[in-house]
Amino acid sequence: MAGMTKGARITGETRDKVKSDLKAQYEGGASIRSLAESTGRSYGFVHKVLVESDAHLRGRGGANRRKAKT
């Protein structure tokens, strides 16, 4: 994905290629944040592209924020 400049509009065949590349990497285990960092794009852009490509998005990780039962 070399040649992507931050904030540049990506359309047509280039966008299709970006979608397939990001989807493959995400389904291979990469996080949205790591993809955003490696491409120089925002979290929102990567998320939107993954949704457009019909990628199955994983749930959030980490601890739940539930109150302890007494």
PDB file of N, CA and C in Angstrom:
ATOM      1  N   MET A   1       0.805  -1.182   0.000  1.00  0.00           N
ATOM      2  CA  MET A   1       0.000   0.000   0.000  1.00  0.00           C
ATOM      3  C   MET A   1       0.849   1.246   0.000  1.00  0.00           C
ATOM      4  N   ALA A   2       1.969   1.125  -0.572  1.00  0.00           N
ATOM      5  CA  ALA A   2       2.864   2.273  -0.664  1.00  0.00           C
ATOM      6  C   ALA A   2       2.236   3.324  -1.566  1.00  0.00           C
ATOM      7  N   GLY A   3       2.543   4.554  -1.301  1.00  0.00           N
ATOM      8  CA  GLY A   3       2.048   5.634  -2.129  1.00  0.00           C
ATOM      9  C   GLY A   3       0.759   6.258  -1.612  1.00  0.00           C
ATOM     10  N   MET A   4       0.215   5.740  -0.525  1.00  0.00           N
ATOM     11  CA  MET A   4      -0.984   6.344   0.056  1.00  0.00           C
ATOM     12  C   MET A   4      -0.543   7.516   0.907  1.00  0.00           C
ATOM     13  N   THR A   5      -1.011   8.689   0.560  1.00  0.00           N
ATOM     14  CA  THR A   5      -0.676   9.843   1.368  1.00  0.00           C
ATOM     15  C   THR A   5      -1.835  10.138   2.306  1.00  0.00           C
ATOM     16  N   LYS A   6      -1.513  10.630   3.476  1.00  0.00           N
ATOM     17  CA  LYS A   6      -2.510  10.881   4.504  1.00  0.00           C
ATOM     18  C   LYS A   6      -3.559  11.867   4.005  1.00  0.00           C
ATOM     19  N   GLY A   7      -4.817  11.459   4.117  1.00  0.00           N
ATOM     20  CA  GLY A   7      -5.916  12.335   3.744  1.00  0.00           C
ATOM     21  C   GLY A   7      -6.269  12.337   2.269  1.00  0.00           C
ATOM     22  N   ALA A   8      -5.475  11.676   1.434  1.00  0.00           N
ATOM     23  CA  ALA A   8      -5.770  11.652   0.000  1.00  0.00           C
ATOM     24  C   ALA A   8      -6.985  10.773  -0.266  1.00  0.00           C
ATOM     25  N   ARG A   9      -7.833  11.197  -1.173  1.00  0.00           N
ATOM     26  CA  ARG A   9      -9.019  10.442  -1.543  1.00  0.00           C
ATOM     27  C   ARG A   9      -8.595   9.213  -2.339  1.00  0.00           C
ATOM     28  N   ILE A  10      -9.156   8.075  -1.985  1.00  0.00           N
ATOM     29  CA  ILE A  10      -8.808   6.827  -2.659  1.00  0.00           C
ATOM     30  C   ILE A  10     -10.074   6.287  -3.308  1.00  0.00           C
ATOM     31  N   THR A  11     -10.055   6.161  -4.643  1.00  0.00           N
ATOM     32  CA  THR A  11     -11.237   5.731  -5.377  1.00  0.00           C
ATOM     33  C   THR A  11     -10.884   4.687  -6.428  1.00  0.00           C
ATOM     34  N   GLY A  12     -11.919   4.107  -7.003  1.00  0.00           N
ATOM     35  CA  GLY A  12     -11.751   3.200  -8.137  1.00  0.00           C
ATOM     36  C   GLY A  12     -10.981   1.933  -7.816  1.00  0.00           C
ATOM     37  N   GLU A  13     -10.124   1.547  -8.754  1.00  0.00           N
ATOM     38  CA  GLU A  13      -9.344   0.319  -8.612  1.00  0.00           C
ATOM     39  C   GLU A  13      -8.403   0.379  -7.410  1.00  0.00           C
ATOM     40  N   THR A  14      -7.879   1.557  -7.129  1.00  0.00           N
ATOM     41  CA  THR A  14      -6.974   1.708  -5.990  1.00  0.00           C
ATOM     42  C   THR A  14      -7.707   1.392  -4.693  1.00  0.00           C
ATOM     43  N   ARG A  15      -8.940   1.884  -4.565  1.00  0.00           N
ATOM     44  CA  ARG A  15      -9.724   1.612  -3.358  1.00  0.00           C
ATOM     45  C   ARG A  15     -10.056   0.125  -3.251  1.00  0.00           C
ATOM     46  N   ASP A  16     -10.380  -0.500  -4.377  1.00  0.00           N
ATOM     47  CA  ASP A  16     -10.666  -1.941  -4.368  1.00  0.00           C
ATOM     48  C   ASP A  16      -9.450  -2.727  -3.893  1.00  0.00           C
ATOM     49  N   LYS A  17      -8.268  -2.324  -4.330  1.00  0.00           N
ATOM     50  CA  LYS A  17      -7.034  -3.005  -3.922  1.00  0.00           C
ATOM     51  C   LYS A  17      -6.773  -2.797  -2.428  1.00  0.00           C
ATOM     52  N   VAL A  18      -6.967  -1.563  -1.961  1.00  0.00           N
ATOM     53  CA  VAL A  18      -6.776  -1.260  -0.541  1.00  0.00           C
ATOM     54  C   VAL A  18      -7.752  -2.083   0.294  1.00  0.00           C
ATOM     55  N   LYS A  19      -9.018  -2.154  -0.148  1.00  0.00           N
ATOM     56  CA  LYS A  19     -10.024  -2.936   0.588  1.00  0.00           C
ATOM     57  C   LYS A  19      -9.613  -4.394   0.698  1.00  0.00           C
ATOM     58  N   SER A  20      -9.193  -4.995  -0.399  1.00  0.00           N
ATOM     59  CA  SER A  20      -8.835  -6.417  -0.355  1.00  0.00           C
ATOM     60  C   SER A  20      -7.578  -6.643   0.481  1.00  0.00           C
ATOM     61  N   ASP A  21      -6.597  -5.740   0.398  1.00  0.00           N
ATOM     62  CA  ASP A  21      -5.370  -5.875   1.192  1.00  0.00           C
ATOM     63  C   ASP A  21      -5.653  -5.747   2.691  1.00  0.00           C
ATOM     64  N   LEU A  22      -6.440  -4.716   3.056  1.00  0.00           N
ATOM     65  CA  LEU A  22      -6.746  -4.506   4.471  1.00  0.00           C
ATOM     66  C   LEU A  22      -7.596  -5.648   5.018  1.00  0.00           C
ATOM     67  N   LYS A  23      -8.545  -6.121   4.227  1.00  0.00           N
ATOM     68  CA  LYS A  23      -9.394  -7.229   4.666  1.00  0.00           C
ATOM     69  C   LYS A  23      -8.555  -8.478   4.920  1.00  0.00           C
ATOM     70  N   ALA A  24      -7.644  -8.784   4.019  1.00  0.00           N
ATOM     71  CA  ALA A  24      -6.791  -9.964   4.173  1.00  0.00           C
ATOM     72  C   ALA A  24      -5.928  -9.855   5.426  1.00  0.00           C
ATOM     73  N   GLN A  25      -5.347  -8.680   5.652  1.00  0.00           N
ATOM     74  CA  GLN A  25      -4.500  -8.489   6.827  1.00  0.00           C
ATOM     75  C   GLN A  25      -5.316  -8.571   8.106  1.00  0.00           C
ATOM     76  N   TYR A  26      -6.521  -7.966   8.093  1.00  0.00           N
ATOM     77  CA  TYR A  26      -7.374  -7.988   9.280  1.00  0.00           C
ATOM     78  C   TYR A  26      -7.815  -9.418   9.590  1.00  0.00           C
ATOM     79  N   GLU A  27      -8.225 -10.141   8.575  1.00  0.00           N
ATOM     80  CA  GLU A  27      -8.657 -11.518   8.786  1.00  0.00           C
ATOM     81  C   GLU A  27      -7.479 -12.423   9.137  1.00  0.00           C
ATOM     82  N   GLY A  28      -6.271 -11.962   8.866  1.00  0.00           N
ATOM     83  CA  GLY A  28      -5.072 -12.681   9.268  1.00  0.00           C
ATOM     84  C   GLY A  28      -4.662 -12.399  10.700  1.00  0.00           C
ATOM     85  N   GLY A  29      -5.394 -11.508  11.389  1.00  0.00           N
ATOM     86  CA  GLY A  29      -5.128 -11.261  12.795  1.00  0.00           C
ATOM     87  C   GLY A  29      -4.696  -9.852  13.156  1.00  0.00           C
ATOM     88  N   ALA A  30      -4.443  -9.001  12.178  1.00  0.00           N
ATOM     89  CA  ALA A  30      -4.022  -7.626  12.474  1.00  0.00           C
ATOM     90  C   ALA A  30      -5.198  -6.840  13.052  1.00  0.00           C
ATOM     91  N   SER A  31      -4.905  -5.902  13.927  1.00  0.00           N
ATOM     92  CA  SER A  31      -5.961  -5.061  14.507  1.00  0.00           C
ATOM     93  C   SER A  31      -6.206  -3.850  13.607  1.00  0.00           C
ATOM     94  N   ILE A  32      -7.356  -3.236  13.804  1.00  0.00           N
ATOM     95  CA  ILE A  32      -7.671  -2.027  13.041  1.00  0.00           C
ATOM     96  C   ILE A  32      -6.654  -0.944  13.368  1.00  0.00           C
ATOM     97  N   ARG A  33      -6.296  -0.816  14.632  1.00  0.00           N
ATOM     98  CA  ARG A  33      -5.317   0.206  15.030  1.00  0.00           C
ATOM     99  C   ARG A  33      -3.959  -0.028  14.384  1.00  0.00           C
ATOM    100  N   SER A  34      -3.526  -1.285  14.340  1.00  0.00           N
ATOM    101  CA  SER A  34      -2.217  -1.559  13.730  1.00  0.00           C
ATOM    102  C   SER A  34      -2.260  -1.310  12.221  1.00  0.00           C
ATOM    103  N   LEU A  35      -3.380  -1.609  11.584  1.00  0.00           N
ATOM    104  CA  LEU A  35      -3.513  -1.335  10.148  1.00  0.00           C
ATOM    105  C   LEU A  35      -3.519   0.170   9.886  1.00  0.00           C
ATOM    106  N   ALA A  36      -4.198   0.912  10.751  1.00  0.00           N
ATOM    107  CA  ALA A  36      -4.229   2.369  10.600  1.00  0.00           C
ATOM    108  C   ALA A  36      -2.824   2.947  10.724  1.00  0.00           C
ATOM    109  N   GLU A  37      -2.083   2.461  11.713  1.00  0.00           N
ATOM    110  CA  GLU A  37      -0.724   2.954  11.924  1.00  0.00           C
ATOM    111  C   GLU A  37       0.195   2.604  10.754  1.00  0.00           C
ATOM    112  N   SER A  38       0.094   1.375  10.266  1.00  0.00           N
ATOM    113  CA  SER A  38       1.001   0.937   9.198  1.00  0.00           C
ATOM    114  C   SER A  38       0.701   1.603   7.857  1.00  0.00           C
ATOM    115  N   THR A  39      -0.564   2.017   7.651  1.00  0.00           N
ATOM    116  CA  THR A  39      -0.920   2.655   6.382  1.00  0.00           C
ATOM    117  C   THR A  39      -0.885   4.169   6.450  1.00  0.00           C
ATOM    118  N   GLY A  40      -0.802   4.712   7.672  1.00  0.00           N
ATOM    119  CA  GLY A  40      -0.815   6.165   7.806  1.00  0.00           C
ATOM    120  C   GLY A  40      -2.212   6.747   7.658  1.00  0.00           C
ATOM    121  N   ARG A  41      -3.223   5.914   7.781  1.00  0.00           N
ATOM    122  CA  ARG A  41      -4.613   6.373   7.685  1.00  0.00           C
ATOM    123  C   ARG A  41      -5.247   6.352   9.065  1.00  0.00           C
ATOM    124  N   SER A  42      -6.435   6.901   9.182  1.00  0.00           N
ATOM    125  CA  SER A  42      -7.109   6.954  10.474  1.00  0.00           C
ATOM    126  C   SER A  42      -7.794   5.629  10.789  1.00  0.00           C
ATOM    127  N   TYR A  43      -8.092   5.448  12.069  1.00  0.00           N
ATOM    128  CA  TYR A  43      -8.848   4.279  12.523  1.00  0.00           C
ATOM    129  C   TYR A  43     -10.187   4.235  11.790  1.00  0.00           C
ATOM    130  N   GLY A  44     -10.848   5.391  11.685  1.00  0.00           N
ATOM    131  CA  GLY A  44     -12.156   5.479  11.024  1.00  0.00           C
ATOM    132  C   GLY A  44     -12.104   5.056   9.574  1.00  0.00           C
ATOM    133  N   PHE A  45     -11.060   5.460   8.854  1.00  0.00           N
ATOM    134  CA  PHE A  45     -10.916   5.081   7.452  1.00  0.00           C
ATOM    135  C   PHE A  45     -10.779   3.574   7.328  1.00  0.00           C
ATOM    136  N   VAL A  46      -9.909   2.983   8.135  1.00  0.00           N
ATOM    137  CA  VAL A  46      -9.683   1.535   8.062  1.00  0.00           C
ATOM    138  C   VAL A  46     -10.964   0.798   8.424  1.00  0.00           C
ATOM    139  N   HIS A  47     -11.655   1.234   9.465  1.00  0.00           N
ATOM    140  CA  HIS A  47     -12.904   0.601   9.874  1.00  0.00           C
ATOM    141  C   HIS A  47     -13.926   0.662   8.739  1.00  0.00           C
ATOM    142  N   LYS A  48     -14.072   1.833   8.123  1.00  0.00           N
ATOM    143  CA  LYS A  48     -15.035   2.013   7.037  1.00  0.00           C
ATOM    144  C   LYS A  48     -14.710   1.112   5.851  1.00  0.00           C
ATOM    145  N   VAL A  49     -13.450   1.022   5.502  1.00  0.00           N
ATOM    146  CA  VAL A  49     -13.033   0.178   4.380  1.00  0.00           C
ATOM    147  C   VAL A  49     -13.308  -1.299   4.692  1.00  0.00           C
ATOM    148  N   LEU A  50     -13.077  -1.717   5.923  1.00  0.00           N
ATOM    149  CA  LEU A  50     -13.359  -3.105   6.301  1.00  0.00           C
ATOM    150  C   LEU A  50     -14.858  -3.395   6.232  1.00  0.00           C
ATOM    151  N   VAL A  51     -15.673  -2.452   6.666  1.00  0.00           N
ATOM    152  CA  VAL A  51     -17.130  -2.629   6.577  1.00  0.00           C
ATOM    153  C   VAL A  51     -17.552  -2.720   5.116  1.00  0.00           C
ATOM    154  N   GLU A  52     -16.992  -1.857   4.260  1.00  0.00           N
ATOM    155  CA  GLU A  52     -17.302  -1.882   2.824  1.00  0.00           C
ATOM    156  C   GLU A  52     -16.916  -3.209   2.187  1.00  0.00           C
ATOM    157  N   SER A  53     -15.855  -3.830   2.694  1.00  0.00           N
ATOM    158  CA  SER A  53     -15.364  -5.078   2.107  1.00  0.00           C
ATOM    159  C   SER A  53     -16.054  -6.303   2.709  1.00  0.00           C
ATOM    160  N   ASP A  54     -17.067  -6.080   3.553  1.00  0.00           N
ATOM    161  CA  ASP A  54     -17.815  -7.169   4.196  1.00  0.00           C
ATOM    162  C   ASP A  54     -16.946  -8.059   5.067  1.00  0.00           C
ATOM    163  N   ALA A  55     -15.926  -7.485   5.677  1.00  0.00           N
ATOM    164  CA  ALA A  55     -15.095  -8.247   6.609  1.00  0.00           C
ATOM    165  C   ALA A  55     -15.895  -8.489   7.883  1.00  0.00           C
ATOM    166  N   HIS A  56     -15.724  -9.641   8.477  1.00  0.00           N
ATOM    167  CA  HIS A  56     -16.375  -9.951   9.747  1.00  0.00           C
ATOM    168  C   HIS A  56     -15.538  -9.306  10.850  1.00  0.00           C
ATOM    169  N   LEU A  57     -16.082  -8.242  11.458  1.00  0.00           N
ATOM    170  CA  LEU A  57     -15.334  -7.502  12.470  1.00  0.00           C
ATOM    171  C   LEU A  57     -15.380  -8.234  13.804  1.00  0.00           C
ATOM    172  N   ARG A  58     -14.235  -8.306  14.449  1.00  0.00           N
ATOM    173  CA  ARG A  58     -14.130  -8.948  15.751  1.00  0.00           C
ATOM    174  C   ARG A  58     -14.672  -8.022  16.828  1.00  0.00           C
ATOM    175  N   GLY A  59     -15.085  -8.618  17.943  1.00  0.00           N
ATOM    176  CA  GLY A  59     -15.537  -7.835  19.086  1.00  0.00           C
ATOM    177  C   GLY A  59     -14.352  -7.212  19.788  1.00  0.00           C
ATOM    178  N   ARG A  60     -14.638  -6.281  20.674  1.00  0.00           N
ATOM    179  CA  ARG A  60     -13.578  -5.642  21.439  1.00  0.00           C
ATOM    180  C   ARG A  60     -12.998  -6.618  22.434  1.00  0.00           C
ATOM    181  N   GLY A  61     -11.736  -6.479  22.711  1.00  0.00           N
ATOM    182  CA  GLY A  61     -11.086  -7.305  23.714  1.00  0.00           C
ATOM    183  C   GLY A  61     -11.045  -6.583  25.047  1.00  0.00           C
ATOM    184  N   GLY A  62     -10.355  -7.155  25.983  1.00  0.00           N
ATOM    185  CA  GLY A  62     -10.174  -6.477  27.260  1.00  0.00           C
ATOM    186  C   GLY A  62     -11.204  -6.885  28.285  1.00  0.00           C
ATOM    187  N   ALA A  63     -11.031  -6.387  29.476  1.00  0.00           N
ATOM    188  CA  ALA A  63     -11.898  -6.733  30.597  1.00  0.00           C
ATOM    189  C   ALA A  63     -13.247  -6.060  30.464  1.00  0.00           C
ATOM    190  N   ASN A  64     -14.261  -6.717  30.987  1.00  0.00           N
ATOM    191  CA  ASN A  64     -15.592  -6.121  31.043  1.00  0.00           C
ATOM    192  C   ASN A  64     -15.641  -5.129  32.185  1.00  0.00           C
ATOM    193  N   ARG A  65     -16.517  -4.167  32.071  1.00  0.00           N
ATOM    194  CA  ARG A  65     -16.631  -3.135  33.102  1.00  0.00           C
ATOM    195  C   ARG A  65     -17.897  -3.342  33.911  1.00  0.00           C
ATOM    196  N   ARG A  66     -18.055  -4.514  34.436  1.00  0.00           N
ATOM    197  CA  ARG A  66     -19.237  -4.818  35.250  1.00  0.00           C
ATOM    198  C   ARG A  66     -18.921  -4.625  36.716  1.00  0.00           C
ATOM    199  N   LYS A  67     -19.947  -4.245  37.454  1.00  0.00           N
ATOM    200  CA  LYS A  67     -19.787  -4.113  38.896  1.00  0.00           C
ATOM    201  C   LYS A  67     -19.703  -5.506  39.499  1.00  0.00           C
ATOM    202  N   ALA A  68     -18.893  -5.643  40.511  1.00  0.00           N
ATOM    203  CA  ALA A  68     -18.777  -6.919  41.208  1.00  0.00           C
ATOM    204  C   ALA A  68     -20.048  -7.161  42.004  1.00  0.00           C
ATOM    205  N   LYS A  69     -20.528  -8.412  41.973  1.00  0.00           N
ATOM    206  CA  LYS A  69     -21.719  -8.764  42.745  1.00  0.00           C
ATOM    207  C   LYS A  69     -21.362  -8.839  44.223  1.00  0.00           C
ATOM    208  N   THR A  70     -22.285  -8.385  45.039  1.00  0.00           N
ATOM    209  CA  THR A  70     -22.040  -8.418  46.488  1.00  0.00           C
ATOM    210  C   THR A  70     -22.685  -9.581  47.156  1.00  0.00           C
TER     211      THR A  70
END
